[in-house]
Amino acid sequence: MKRLIAIATAIAAIATAAPAWAAKVFTLDNVTLQGGGTLTGSFTTDDALTSLLSVNITASSGTFGPGVFSTFTYDNAALADWVSLPTQGFRISTSGYAKQLRLDFFPLTAGGANILNTSYEYQNTGGPRAVTGGRVVLDVPSAVPEPATWAMMIMGFGLAGAALRSHGRKVAFAAA
């Protein structure tokens, strides 16, 4: 009976230990804007690369032509008014379209992507300034097992210990 309970417990643990879907964090790498500006920061997508979950991208201040650009941080993914991932990109627009950031890729992959020159940052005080180069790269987290993996490992050690303990009792009983 104990063996049946142990087997049922192991099956339940394996069934519930499906891998967790992890969000993917992409970091901007050497992204430049017209007039010497830069974009720095990161954004997060779901595991399938189809939804924008969060964004924290800062456009540097500067001048381009007659326009003056202030430093601005795009940090609210809820302001994304156009998202077409992974095939095209996304755009974040502030209220009244006073500031916009559009990043285009073709396509965004789990390894990252080049940012296309159709990407831009717009501020109503300066107008548009195009992205002139750069990439996004996937941040690879350190290799830490998922909680389900830890649970399965602990249960496996427990079951192996219980089996050895049970086996030891039978041997001791048979010898007496």
N, C-alpha and C. Protein backbone atom coordinates (compact mmCIF):
# COMPACT_ATOMS: atom_id res chain seq x y z
N MET A 1 0.82 -1.19 0.00
CA MET A 1 0.00 0.00 0.00
C MET A 1 0.87 1.26 0.00
N LYS A 2 1.95 1.22 0.82
CA LYS A 2 2.84 2.38 0.86
C LYS A 2 3.49 2.62 -0.49
N ARG A 3 3.84 1.55 -1.18
CA ARG A 3 4.45 1.69 -2.50
C ARG A 3 3.47 2.33 -3.47
N LEU A 4 2.20 1.96 -3.41
CA LEU A 4 1.18 2.53 -4.28
C LEU A 4 1.02 4.02 -4.01
N ILE A 5 1.04 4.40 -2.74
CA ILE A 5 0.94 5.82 -2.38
C ILE A 5 2.16 6.58 -2.88
N ALA A 6 3.35 5.99 -2.74
CA ALA A 6 4.57 6.64 -3.22
C ALA A 6 4.54 6.82 -4.73
N ILE A 7 4.06 5.82 -5.45
CA ILE A 7 3.98 5.93 -6.92
C ILE A 7 2.96 6.99 -7.30
N ALA A 8 1.82 7.02 -6.64
CA ALA A 8 0.80 8.03 -6.94
C ALA A 8 1.32 9.44 -6.65
N THR A 9 2.06 9.58 -5.56
CA THR A 9 2.65 10.88 -5.22
C THR A 9 3.66 11.31 -6.27
N ALA A 10 4.49 10.39 -6.72
CA ALA A 10 5.49 10.71 -7.75
C ALA A 10 4.81 11.12 -9.06
N ILE A 11 3.76 10.41 -9.45
CA ILE A 11 3.04 10.76 -10.68
C ILE A 11 2.41 12.14 -10.55
N ALA A 12 1.83 12.44 -9.39
CA ALA A 12 1.23 13.76 -9.18
C ALA A 12 2.30 14.85 -9.24
N ALA A 13 3.48 14.60 -8.66
CA ALA A 13 4.56 15.58 -8.69
C ALA A 13 5.03 15.84 -10.12
N ILE A 14 5.16 14.78 -10.90
CA ILE A 14 5.60 14.94 -12.29
C ILE A 14 4.55 15.69 -13.09
N ALA A 15 3.28 15.39 -12.85
CA ALA A 15 2.21 16.05 -13.59
C ALA A 15 2.14 17.54 -13.29
N THR A 16 2.41 17.92 -12.04
CA THR A 16 2.33 19.35 -11.69
C THR A 16 3.64 20.08 -11.93
N ALA A 17 4.68 19.39 -12.32
CA ALA A 17 5.99 20.01 -12.48
C ALA A 17 6.23 20.45 -13.92
N ALA A 18 5.20 20.86 -14.61
CA ALA A 18 5.37 21.37 -15.96
C ALA A 18 6.25 22.61 -15.90
N PRO A 19 7.08 22.82 -16.90
CA PRO A 19 7.98 23.97 -16.84
C PRO A 19 7.20 25.28 -16.82
N ALA A 20 7.66 26.21 -16.02
CA ALA A 20 7.05 27.53 -15.96
C ALA A 20 7.44 28.33 -17.19
N TRP A 21 6.51 29.10 -17.70
CA TRP A 21 6.81 29.95 -18.85
C TRP A 21 7.46 31.21 -18.33
N ALA A 22 8.64 31.46 -18.82
CA ALA A 22 9.41 32.60 -18.32
C ALA A 22 9.30 33.76 -19.29
N ALA A 23 9.22 34.95 -18.74
CA ALA A 23 9.25 36.15 -19.55
C ALA A 23 10.67 36.32 -20.11
N LYS A 24 10.77 36.98 -21.23
CA LYS A 24 12.07 37.22 -21.85
C LYS A 24 12.38 38.72 -21.78
N VAL A 25 13.55 39.03 -21.24
CA VAL A 25 13.98 40.42 -21.09
C VAL A 25 15.02 40.71 -22.18
N PHE A 26 14.77 41.75 -22.96
CA PHE A 26 15.68 42.18 -24.02
C PHE A 26 16.30 43.52 -23.63
N THR A 27 17.62 43.62 -23.79
CA THR A 27 18.34 44.85 -23.48
C THR A 27 18.79 45.53 -24.77
N LEU A 28 18.66 46.86 -24.80
CA LEU A 28 19.12 47.61 -25.96
C LEU A 28 20.64 47.66 -25.95
N ASP A 29 21.25 47.42 -27.10
CA ASP A 29 22.70 47.35 -27.22
C ASP A 29 23.17 48.34 -28.27
N ASN A 30 23.83 49.42 -27.82
CA ASN A 30 24.43 50.40 -28.71
C ASN A 30 23.41 51.01 -29.68
N VAL A 31 22.25 51.39 -29.16
CA VAL A 31 21.20 51.98 -29.99
C VAL A 31 21.42 53.49 -30.06
N THR A 32 21.60 53.98 -31.27
CA THR A 32 21.88 55.40 -31.50
C THR A 32 20.74 56.07 -32.25
N LEU A 33 20.60 57.37 -31.98
CA LEU A 33 19.58 58.20 -32.62
C LEU A 33 20.24 59.30 -33.44
N GLN A 34 19.53 59.84 -34.39
CA GLN A 34 20.04 60.97 -35.16
C GLN A 34 20.40 62.11 -34.20
N GLY A 35 21.46 62.81 -34.52
CA GLY A 35 21.89 63.92 -33.70
C GLY A 35 22.73 63.50 -32.50
N GLY A 36 23.15 62.24 -32.47
CA GLY A 36 24.02 61.78 -31.39
C GLY A 36 23.31 61.27 -30.16
N GLY A 37 22.00 61.17 -30.19
CA GLY A 37 21.28 60.65 -29.03
C GLY A 37 21.38 59.13 -28.92
N THR A 38 20.95 58.61 -27.80
CA THR A 38 20.97 57.17 -27.56
C THR A 38 19.67 56.71 -26.91
N LEU A 39 19.40 55.43 -27.07
CA LEU A 39 18.34 54.75 -26.33
C LEU A 39 19.01 53.70 -25.47
N THR A 40 18.66 53.66 -24.19
CA THR A 40 19.20 52.65 -23.29
C THR A 40 18.05 52.05 -22.49
N GLY A 41 18.25 50.83 -22.03
CA GLY A 41 17.25 50.19 -21.19
C GLY A 41 16.87 48.82 -21.70
N SER A 42 15.65 48.42 -21.36
CA SER A 42 15.20 47.07 -21.72
C SER A 42 13.68 47.02 -21.82
N PHE A 43 13.21 45.91 -22.39
CA PHE A 43 11.78 45.63 -22.41
C PHE A 43 11.60 44.14 -22.21
N THR A 44 10.41 43.75 -21.77
CA THR A 44 10.12 42.36 -21.46
C THR A 44 8.93 41.90 -22.27
N THR A 45 9.06 40.69 -22.84
CA THR A 45 7.95 40.06 -23.57
C THR A 45 7.57 38.77 -22.86
N ASP A 46 6.45 38.20 -23.28
CA ASP A 46 6.11 36.88 -22.79
C ASP A 46 7.04 35.86 -23.45
N ASP A 47 6.94 34.61 -23.04
CA ASP A 47 7.83 33.57 -23.55
C ASP A 47 7.68 33.37 -25.06
N ALA A 48 6.50 33.57 -25.57
CA ALA A 48 6.25 33.38 -27.01
C ALA A 48 6.64 34.59 -27.84
N LEU A 49 7.11 35.66 -27.20
CA LEU A 49 7.52 36.90 -27.87
C LEU A 49 6.36 37.62 -28.55
N THR A 50 5.13 37.43 -28.06
CA THR A 50 3.98 38.03 -28.72
C THR A 50 3.35 39.18 -27.95
N SER A 51 3.65 39.32 -26.66
CA SER A 51 3.07 40.39 -25.85
C SER A 51 4.17 41.21 -25.19
N LEU A 52 3.96 42.50 -25.12
CA LEU A 52 4.87 43.40 -24.43
C LEU A 52 4.41 43.49 -22.98
N LEU A 53 5.23 43.00 -22.03
CA LEU A 53 4.84 42.97 -20.63
C LEU A 53 5.30 44.21 -19.87
N SER A 54 6.52 44.66 -20.13
CA SER A 54 7.02 45.86 -19.46
C SER A 54 8.08 46.50 -20.33
N VAL A 55 8.33 47.76 -20.04
CA VAL A 55 9.33 48.52 -20.80
C VAL A 55 9.98 49.53 -19.86
N ASN A 56 11.27 49.74 -20.05
CA ASN A 56 12.01 50.76 -19.31
C ASN A 56 13.16 51.23 -20.22
N ILE A 57 12.82 52.14 -21.13
CA ILE A 57 13.77 52.62 -22.13
C ILE A 57 13.89 54.14 -22.01
N THR A 58 15.13 54.62 -21.92
CA THR A 58 15.38 56.05 -21.80
C THR A 58 15.99 56.60 -23.08
N ALA A 59 15.39 57.66 -23.59
CA ALA A 59 15.94 58.39 -24.73
C ALA A 59 16.74 59.56 -24.18
N SER A 60 17.97 59.73 -24.66
CA SER A 60 18.82 60.82 -24.14
C SER A 60 18.39 62.16 -24.71
N SER A 61 18.81 63.21 -24.03
CA SER A 61 18.53 64.56 -24.51
C SER A 61 19.45 64.88 -25.68
N GLY A 62 19.15 65.94 -26.37
CA GLY A 62 20.00 66.36 -27.48
C GLY A 62 19.27 67.27 -28.43
N THR A 63 19.96 67.65 -29.47
CA THR A 63 19.35 68.47 -30.52
C THR A 63 19.56 67.76 -31.85
N PHE A 64 18.58 67.93 -32.71
CA PHE A 64 18.68 67.40 -34.07
C PHE A 64 17.97 68.39 -34.96
N GLY A 65 18.73 69.01 -35.86
CA GLY A 65 18.17 70.08 -36.67
C GLY A 65 17.74 71.19 -35.74
N PRO A 66 16.55 71.72 -35.96
CA PRO A 66 16.07 72.80 -35.07
C PRO A 66 15.43 72.25 -33.79
N GLY A 67 15.27 70.95 -33.69
CA GLY A 67 14.55 70.36 -32.56
C GLY A 67 15.40 70.17 -31.32
N VAL A 68 14.76 70.31 -30.17
CA VAL A 68 15.41 70.09 -28.89
C VAL A 68 14.69 68.93 -28.20
N PHE A 69 15.48 67.95 -27.77
CA PHE A 69 14.93 66.75 -27.16
C PHE A 69 15.36 66.68 -25.70
N SER A 70 14.40 66.40 -24.83
CA SER A 70 14.73 66.22 -23.41
C SER A 70 14.88 64.73 -23.12
N THR A 71 15.60 64.42 -22.05
CA THR A 71 15.71 63.03 -21.63
C THR A 71 14.33 62.57 -21.19
N PHE A 72 13.93 61.42 -21.67
CA PHE A 72 12.61 60.90 -21.32
C PHE A 72 12.68 59.39 -21.20
N THR A 73 11.99 58.85 -20.18
CA THR A 73 11.97 57.41 -19.97
C THR A 73 10.58 56.87 -20.29
N TYR A 74 10.54 55.94 -21.21
CA TYR A 74 9.31 55.22 -21.55
C TYR A 74 9.26 54.01 -20.62
N ASP A 75 8.35 54.06 -19.63
CA ASP A 75 8.35 53.00 -18.62
C ASP A 75 6.96 52.45 -18.32
N ASN A 76 6.04 52.62 -19.25
CA ASN A 76 4.69 52.15 -19.03
C ASN A 76 4.22 51.36 -20.25
N ALA A 77 4.27 50.03 -20.15
CA ALA A 77 3.87 49.18 -21.28
C ALA A 77 2.39 49.33 -21.59
N ALA A 78 1.60 49.81 -20.64
CA ALA A 78 0.17 50.00 -20.89
C ALA A 78 -0.07 51.10 -21.93
N LEU A 79 0.94 51.95 -22.17
CA LEU A 79 0.81 53.00 -23.18
C LEU A 79 1.15 52.51 -24.60
N ALA A 80 1.43 51.23 -24.73
CA ALA A 80 1.73 50.68 -26.06
C ALA A 80 0.43 50.68 -26.87
N ASP A 81 0.37 51.51 -27.90
CA ASP A 81 -0.83 51.60 -28.71
C ASP A 81 -0.72 50.80 -30.00
N TRP A 82 0.44 50.19 -30.21
CA TRP A 82 0.63 49.30 -31.36
C TRP A 82 1.68 48.28 -30.98
N VAL A 83 1.30 47.00 -31.00
CA VAL A 83 2.23 45.91 -30.71
C VAL A 83 2.01 44.84 -31.77
N SER A 84 3.06 44.54 -32.50
CA SER A 84 3.01 43.49 -33.50
C SER A 84 4.29 42.66 -33.37
N LEU A 85 4.33 41.91 -32.26
CA LEU A 85 5.50 41.07 -31.99
C LEU A 85 5.17 39.64 -32.37
N PRO A 86 6.10 38.85 -32.79
CA PRO A 86 7.52 39.13 -32.97
C PRO A 86 7.87 39.63 -34.36
N THR A 87 6.88 39.79 -35.24
CA THR A 87 7.20 40.06 -36.64
C THR A 87 7.57 41.49 -36.96
N GLN A 88 7.06 42.48 -36.21
CA GLN A 88 7.36 43.86 -36.57
C GLN A 88 7.95 44.66 -35.42
N GLY A 89 7.20 44.96 -34.38
CA GLY A 89 7.73 45.76 -33.29
C GLY A 89 6.64 46.28 -32.39
N PHE A 90 6.89 47.45 -31.76
CA PHE A 90 5.90 48.07 -30.90
C PHE A 90 6.11 49.57 -30.87
N ARG A 91 5.03 50.29 -30.46
CA ARG A 91 5.10 51.74 -30.31
C ARG A 91 4.44 52.11 -28.99
N ILE A 92 5.08 53.02 -28.28
CA ILE A 92 4.54 53.54 -27.02
C ILE A 92 4.31 55.03 -27.24
N SER A 93 3.09 55.48 -26.94
CA SER A 93 2.73 56.89 -27.13
C SER A 93 2.18 57.45 -25.83
N THR A 94 2.69 58.61 -25.44
CA THR A 94 2.17 59.27 -24.25
C THR A 94 0.86 59.98 -24.62
N SER A 95 0.19 60.50 -23.62
CA SER A 95 -1.07 61.19 -23.82
C SER A 95 -0.93 62.31 -24.85
N GLY A 96 -1.83 62.35 -25.79
CA GLY A 96 -1.81 63.37 -26.82
C GLY A 96 -0.67 63.20 -27.81
N TYR A 97 -0.01 62.05 -27.78
CA TYR A 97 1.12 61.73 -28.67
C TYR A 97 2.25 62.74 -28.56
N ALA A 98 2.42 63.32 -27.35
CA ALA A 98 3.49 64.29 -27.15
C ALA A 98 4.86 63.64 -27.26
N LYS A 99 4.94 62.38 -26.89
CA LYS A 99 6.19 61.63 -27.01
C LYS A 99 5.85 60.23 -27.50
N GLN A 100 6.68 59.73 -28.40
CA GLN A 100 6.48 58.39 -28.93
C GLN A 100 7.82 57.70 -29.10
N LEU A 101 7.80 56.39 -28.91
CA LEU A 101 8.95 55.56 -29.19
C LEU A 101 8.46 54.38 -30.00
N ARG A 102 9.05 54.19 -31.15
CA ARG A 102 8.69 53.03 -31.99
C ARG A 102 9.96 52.26 -32.28
N LEU A 103 9.93 50.96 -31.97
CA LEU A 103 11.04 50.06 -32.28
C LEU A 103 10.55 48.99 -33.23
N ASP A 104 11.20 48.90 -34.38
CA ASP A 104 10.85 47.91 -35.40
C ASP A 104 11.95 46.86 -35.50
N PHE A 105 11.55 45.60 -35.62
CA PHE A 105 12.46 44.47 -35.83
C PHE A 105 11.87 43.63 -36.94
N PHE A 106 12.70 42.84 -37.58
CA PHE A 106 12.14 41.88 -38.54
C PHE A 106 12.97 40.64 -38.57
N PRO A 107 12.54 39.64 -37.85
CA PRO A 107 11.64 39.63 -36.70
C PRO A 107 12.44 39.64 -35.41
N LEU A 108 11.73 39.75 -34.28
CA LEU A 108 12.34 39.60 -32.97
C LEU A 108 12.41 38.10 -32.69
N THR A 109 13.58 37.61 -32.34
CA THR A 109 13.76 36.19 -32.04
C THR A 109 14.26 36.03 -30.61
N ALA A 110 14.33 34.80 -30.15
CA ALA A 110 14.82 34.52 -28.80
C ALA A 110 16.27 34.96 -28.63
N GLY A 111 17.00 35.14 -29.73
CA GLY A 111 18.37 35.62 -29.64
C GLY A 111 18.50 37.12 -29.69
N GLY A 112 17.44 37.81 -30.11
CA GLY A 112 17.48 39.26 -30.24
C GLY A 112 17.14 39.66 -31.66
N ALA A 113 17.53 40.87 -32.05
CA ALA A 113 17.25 41.37 -33.40
C ALA A 113 17.96 42.69 -33.62
N ASN A 114 18.20 43.02 -34.88
CA ASN A 114 18.65 44.36 -35.23
C ASN A 114 17.44 45.30 -35.15
N ILE A 115 17.68 46.52 -34.74
CA ILE A 115 16.62 47.52 -34.75
C ILE A 115 16.66 48.20 -36.11
N LEU A 116 15.54 48.19 -36.81
CA LEU A 116 15.49 48.72 -38.17
C LEU A 116 15.48 50.25 -38.18
N ASN A 117 15.91 50.82 -39.32
CA ASN A 117 15.99 52.28 -39.41
C ASN A 117 14.62 52.93 -39.57
N THR A 118 13.54 52.14 -39.56
CA THR A 118 12.19 52.72 -39.54
C THR A 118 11.78 53.05 -38.10
N SER A 119 12.61 52.70 -37.14
CA SER A 119 12.35 53.00 -35.73
C SER A 119 12.66 54.48 -35.47
N TYR A 120 11.96 55.05 -34.50
CA TYR A 120 12.19 56.46 -34.20
C TYR A 120 11.76 56.79 -32.78
N GLU A 121 12.19 57.96 -32.32
CA GLU A 121 11.70 58.57 -31.09
C GLU A 121 11.18 59.94 -31.49
N TYR A 122 10.00 60.29 -31.01
CA TYR A 122 9.38 61.56 -31.36
C TYR A 122 9.06 62.32 -30.09
N GLN A 123 9.39 63.62 -30.08
CA GLN A 123 8.96 64.52 -29.01
C GLN A 123 8.38 65.76 -29.66
N ASN A 124 7.28 66.26 -29.13
CA ASN A 124 6.64 67.42 -29.77
C ASN A 124 7.52 68.66 -29.73
N THR A 125 8.55 68.70 -28.88
CA THR A 125 9.46 69.85 -28.85
C THR A 125 10.59 69.72 -29.86
N GLY A 126 10.76 68.54 -30.43
CA GLY A 126 11.88 68.34 -31.33
C GLY A 126 11.54 67.66 -32.64
N GLY A 127 10.39 66.99 -32.68
CA GLY A 127 10.02 66.25 -33.88
C GLY A 127 10.56 64.83 -33.82
N PRO A 128 10.65 64.19 -34.98
CA PRO A 128 11.15 62.81 -34.98
C PRO A 128 12.67 62.75 -35.13
N ARG A 129 13.27 61.75 -34.55
CA ARG A 129 14.67 61.43 -34.81
C ARG A 129 14.77 59.92 -34.95
N ALA A 130 15.34 59.52 -36.05
CA ALA A 130 15.38 58.10 -36.40
C ALA A 130 16.45 57.35 -35.63
N VAL A 131 16.22 56.07 -35.44
CA VAL A 131 17.24 55.18 -34.89
C VAL A 131 18.22 54.92 -36.03
N THR A 132 19.51 55.13 -35.77
CA THR A 132 20.52 54.95 -36.82
C THR A 132 21.31 53.65 -36.68
N GLY A 133 21.11 52.93 -35.60
CA GLY A 133 21.81 51.66 -35.43
C GLY A 133 21.56 51.06 -34.07
N GLY A 134 21.90 49.79 -33.94
CA GLY A 134 21.80 49.11 -32.66
C GLY A 134 21.01 47.82 -32.75
N ARG A 135 21.03 47.12 -31.62
CA ARG A 135 20.37 45.82 -31.52
C ARG A 135 19.65 45.70 -30.19
N VAL A 136 18.83 44.68 -30.10
CA VAL A 136 18.32 44.23 -28.82
C VAL A 136 18.84 42.82 -28.63
N VAL A 137 19.27 42.50 -27.43
CA VAL A 137 19.79 41.17 -27.13
C VAL A 137 19.06 40.61 -25.92
N LEU A 138 18.89 39.30 -25.93
CA LEU A 138 18.21 38.62 -24.84
C LEU A 138 19.12 38.57 -23.62
N ASP A 139 18.60 39.01 -22.47
CA ASP A 139 19.32 38.85 -21.21
C ASP A 139 19.18 37.39 -20.80
N VAL A 140 20.30 36.72 -20.61
CA VAL A 140 20.26 35.32 -20.20
C VAL A 140 20.48 35.26 -18.69
N PRO A 141 19.44 34.85 -17.95
CA PRO A 141 19.61 34.78 -16.50
C PRO A 141 20.54 33.64 -16.11
N SER A 142 21.04 33.70 -14.89
CA SER A 142 21.89 32.61 -14.42
C SER A 142 21.07 31.33 -14.34
N ALA A 143 21.74 30.22 -14.45
CA ALA A 143 21.06 28.92 -14.47
C ALA A 143 20.62 28.53 -13.07
N VAL A 144 19.41 28.91 -12.71
CA VAL A 144 18.83 28.55 -11.43
C VAL A 144 17.63 27.66 -11.73
N PRO A 145 17.58 26.47 -11.14
CA PRO A 145 16.44 25.58 -11.43
C PRO A 145 15.11 26.21 -11.03
N GLU A 146 14.08 25.84 -11.77
CA GLU A 146 12.74 26.32 -11.46
C GLU A 146 12.23 25.64 -10.20
N PRO A 147 11.27 26.23 -9.51
CA PRO A 147 10.73 25.61 -8.29
C PRO A 147 10.21 24.19 -8.52
N ALA A 148 9.60 23.95 -9.67
CA ALA A 148 9.10 22.60 -9.95
C ALA A 148 10.24 21.60 -10.02
N THR A 149 11.38 22.02 -10.54
CA THR A 149 12.55 21.14 -10.61
C THR A 149 13.06 20.83 -9.20
N TRP A 150 13.11 21.85 -8.36
CA TRP A 150 13.53 21.63 -6.98
C TRP A 150 12.57 20.66 -6.28
N ALA A 151 11.28 20.84 -6.48
CA ALA A 151 10.29 19.98 -5.83
C ALA A 151 10.47 18.53 -6.27
N MET A 152 10.65 18.33 -7.57
CA MET A 152 10.84 16.96 -8.06
C MET A 152 12.12 16.35 -7.50
N MET A 153 13.19 17.13 -7.43
CA MET A 153 14.46 16.62 -6.92
C MET A 153 14.32 16.23 -5.44
N ILE A 154 13.69 17.07 -4.66
CA ILE A 154 13.51 16.78 -3.23
C ILE A 154 12.63 15.55 -3.04
N MET A 155 11.56 15.47 -3.83
CA MET A 155 10.69 14.29 -3.72
C MET A 155 11.44 13.02 -4.14
N GLY A 156 12.26 13.13 -5.15
CA GLY A 156 13.03 11.96 -5.59
C GLY A 156 13.99 11.48 -4.51
N PHE A 157 14.68 12.42 -3.87
CA PHE A 157 15.57 12.04 -2.77
C PHE A 157 14.77 11.43 -1.61
N GLY A 158 13.61 12.02 -1.33
CA GLY A 158 12.77 11.49 -0.26
C GLY A 158 12.29 10.08 -0.55
N LEU A 159 11.85 9.86 -1.80
CA LEU A 159 11.38 8.52 -2.17
C LEU A 159 12.53 7.52 -2.16
N ALA A 160 13.69 7.93 -2.64
CA ALA A 160 14.85 7.02 -2.62
C ALA A 160 15.24 6.70 -1.19
N GLY A 161 15.23 7.70 -0.31
CA GLY A 161 15.55 7.46 1.10
C GLY A 161 14.53 6.56 1.77
N ALA A 162 13.24 6.79 1.45
CA ALA A 162 12.19 5.94 2.03
C ALA A 162 12.34 4.50 1.55
N ALA A 163 12.68 4.33 0.27
CA ALA A 163 12.86 2.98 -0.26
C ALA A 163 14.04 2.29 0.41
N LEU A 164 15.14 3.00 0.58
CA LEU A 164 16.30 2.41 1.25
C LEU A 164 15.99 2.09 2.71
N ARG A 165 15.28 2.97 3.37
CA ARG A 165 14.93 2.75 4.77
C ARG A 165 14.01 1.55 4.90
N SER A 166 13.03 1.46 4.02
CA SER A 166 12.11 0.33 4.03
C SER A 166 12.85 -0.97 3.74
N HIS A 167 13.76 -0.93 2.78
CA HIS A 167 14.54 -2.11 2.40
C HIS A 167 15.44 -2.54 3.56
N GLY A 168 16.02 -1.58 4.28
CA GLY A 168 16.87 -1.88 5.43
C GLY A 168 16.09 -2.58 6.55
N ARG A 169 14.84 -2.18 6.77
CA ARG A 169 14.03 -2.80 7.81
C ARG A 169 13.73 -4.26 7.47
N LYS A 170 13.43 -4.51 6.20
CA LYS A 170 13.13 -5.88 5.81
C LYS A 170 14.32 -6.79 6.01
N VAL A 171 15.52 -6.30 5.68
CA VAL A 171 16.74 -7.09 5.84
C VAL A 171 16.97 -7.34 7.32
N ALA A 172 16.80 -6.33 8.16
CA ALA A 172 17.02 -6.48 9.58
C ALA A 172 16.01 -7.48 10.18
N PHE A 173 14.79 -7.44 9.70
CA PHE A 173 13.77 -8.35 10.19
C PHE A 173 14.06 -9.78 9.77
N ALA A 174 14.50 -9.94 8.53
CA ALA A 174 14.79 -11.28 8.02
C ALA A 174 15.99 -11.90 8.77
N ALA A 175 16.93 -11.10 9.21
CA ALA A 175 18.11 -11.62 9.89
C ALA A 175 17.80 -12.01 11.33
N ALA A 176 16.76 -11.48 11.92
CA ALA A 176 16.45 -11.74 13.33
C ALA A 176 15.79 -13.05 13.57
